[in-house]
Amino acid sequence: MNPDVQQPARPDPTVVLLHGAFADASSWNEVIALLQQRGRTAVAPPPDDGEVLGAVESGVPAPTTPAR
């Protein structure tokens, strides 16, 4: 890379938090609060469902970072 060429700023990823089998999205509330305090965008879709996840990811700013 040429150090004289300024690279475009990359947006911070949106963190998509997915819950497990015996939990719901509210289990991520404390984590979401901590991430938001640090200036991050974080969401936790209700069910762990591919269709819902796709809809959530299409509605949040790119890039996304799924976390389980």
C-alpha atoms as a PDB file:
ATOM      1  CA  MET A   1       0.000   0.000   0.000  1.00  0.00           C
ATOM      2  CA  ASN A   2       1.125   3.477  -0.770  1.00  0.00           C
ATOM      3  CA  PRO A   3       1.355   5.432   2.535  1.00  0.00           C
ATOM      4  CA  ASP A   4       0.593   8.677   0.676  1.00  0.00           C
ATOM      5  CA  VAL A   5      -2.836   7.420  -0.403  1.00  0.00           C
ATOM      6  CA  GLN A   6      -5.471   7.832   2.280  1.00  0.00           C
ATOM      7  CA  GLN A   7      -7.628   4.750   2.664  1.00  0.00           C
ATOM      8  CA  PRO A   8     -11.411   5.228   2.990  1.00  0.00           C
ATOM      9  CA  ALA A   9     -12.761   4.899   6.517  1.00  0.00           C
ATOM     10  CA  ARG A  10     -14.427   1.569   7.195  1.00  0.00           C
ATOM     11  CA  PRO A  11     -17.657   1.693   9.182  1.00  0.00           C
ATOM     12  CA  ASP A  12     -17.765  -0.147  12.491  1.00  0.00           C
ATOM     13  CA  PRO A  13     -19.656  -3.421  12.184  1.00  0.00           C
ATOM     14  CA  THR A  14     -23.115  -3.903  13.646  1.00  0.00           C
ATOM     15  CA  VAL A  15     -22.941  -6.723  16.178  1.00  0.00           C
ATOM     16  CA  VAL A  16     -25.829  -9.189  15.721  1.00  0.00           C
ATOM     17  CA  LEU A  17     -26.223 -11.269  18.906  1.00  0.00           C
ATOM     18  CA  LEU A  18     -27.940 -14.647  18.551  1.00  0.00           C
ATOM     19  CA  HIS A  19     -29.313 -16.553  21.516  1.00  0.00           C
ATOM     20  CA  GLY A  20     -29.187 -20.300  22.070  1.00  0.00           C
ATOM     21  CA  ALA A  21     -31.874 -22.937  22.455  1.00  0.00           C
ATOM     22  CA  PHE A  22     -33.004 -22.222  26.003  1.00  0.00           C
ATOM     23  CA  ALA A  23     -32.782 -18.433  26.041  1.00  0.00           C
ATOM     24  CA  ASP A  24     -34.371 -15.466  24.329  1.00  0.00           C
ATOM     25  CA  ALA A  25     -33.037 -12.203  22.963  1.00  0.00           C
ATOM     26  CA  SER A  26     -33.367 -10.473  26.348  1.00  0.00           C
ATOM     27  CA  SER A  27     -30.413 -12.542  27.586  1.00  0.00           C
ATOM     28  CA  TRP A  28     -28.212 -10.121  25.586  1.00  0.00           C
ATOM     29  CA  ASN A  29     -29.559  -6.916  27.215  1.00  0.00           C
ATOM     30  CA  GLU A  30     -26.500  -6.320  29.425  1.00  0.00           C
ATOM     31  CA  VAL A  31     -24.089  -7.061  26.577  1.00  0.00           C
ATOM     32  CA  ILE A  32     -25.969  -4.696  24.250  1.00  0.00           C
ATOM     33  CA  ALA A  33     -25.821  -1.951  26.891  1.00  0.00           C
ATOM     34  CA  LEU A  34     -22.050  -2.424  27.298  1.00  0.00           C
ATOM     35  CA  LEU A  35     -21.474  -2.364  23.527  1.00  0.00           C
ATOM     36  CA  GLN A  36     -23.614   0.763  23.148  1.00  0.00           C
ATOM     37  CA  GLN A  37     -21.643   2.482  25.935  1.00  0.00           C
ATOM     38  CA  ARG A  38     -18.563   1.849  23.803  1.00  0.00           C
ATOM     39  CA  GLY A  39     -20.191   3.383  20.731  1.00  0.00           C
ATOM     40  CA  ARG A  40     -21.046   0.118  18.973  1.00  0.00           C
ATOM     41  CA  THR A  41     -24.325  -0.786  17.317  1.00  0.00           C
ATOM     42  CA  ALA A  42     -25.732  -4.089  18.569  1.00  0.00           C
ATOM     43  CA  VAL A  43     -29.005  -5.932  17.972  1.00  0.00           C
ATOM     44  CA  ALA A  44     -30.488  -9.229  19.177  1.00  0.00           C
ATOM     45  CA  PRO A  45     -33.287 -10.580  16.968  1.00  0.00           C
ATOM     46  CA  PRO A  46     -36.082 -12.436  18.799  1.00  0.00           C
ATOM     47  CA  PRO A  47     -35.993 -16.034  17.484  1.00  0.00           C
ATOM     48  CA  ASP A  48     -32.923 -17.838  16.156  1.00  0.00           C
ATOM     49  CA  ASP A  49     -34.526 -18.117  12.737  1.00  0.00           C
ATOM     50  CA  GLY A  50     -32.738 -17.710   9.418  1.00  0.00           C
ATOM     51  CA  GLU A  51     -35.588 -15.729   7.871  1.00  0.00           C
ATOM     52  CA  VAL A  52     -35.731 -13.294  10.780  1.00  0.00           C
ATOM     53  CA  LEU A  53     -31.934 -13.032  10.911  1.00  0.00           C
ATOM     54  CA  GLY A  54     -31.832 -12.185   7.200  1.00  0.00           C
ATOM     55  CA  ALA A  55     -34.430  -9.467   7.714  1.00  0.00           C
ATOM     56  CA  VAL A  56     -32.527  -8.049  10.687  1.00  0.00           C
ATOM     57  CA  GLU A  57     -29.206  -8.071   8.832  1.00  0.00           C
ATOM     58  CA  SER A  58     -30.742  -6.378   5.797  1.00  0.00           C
ATOM     59  CA  GLY A  59     -32.051  -3.587   8.043  1.00  0.00           C
ATOM     60  CA  VAL A  60     -28.815  -2.780   9.876  1.00  0.00           C
ATOM     61  CA  PRO A  61     -25.831  -0.855   8.573  1.00  0.00           C
ATOM     62  CA  ALA A  62     -23.149  -3.017   6.973  1.00  0.00           C
ATOM     63  CA  PRO A  63     -20.921  -4.714   7.810  1.00  0.00           C
ATOM     64  CA  THR A  64     -22.471  -7.028  10.395  1.00  0.00           C
ATOM     65  CA  THR A  65     -20.695  -9.281  12.863  1.00  0.00           C
ATOM     66  CA  PRO A  66     -22.856 -12.192  14.037  1.00  0.00           C
ATOM     67  CA  ALA A  67     -22.021 -13.481  17.533  1.00  0.00           C
ATOM     68  CA  ARG A  68     -23.377 -16.464  19.445  1.00  0.00           C
END
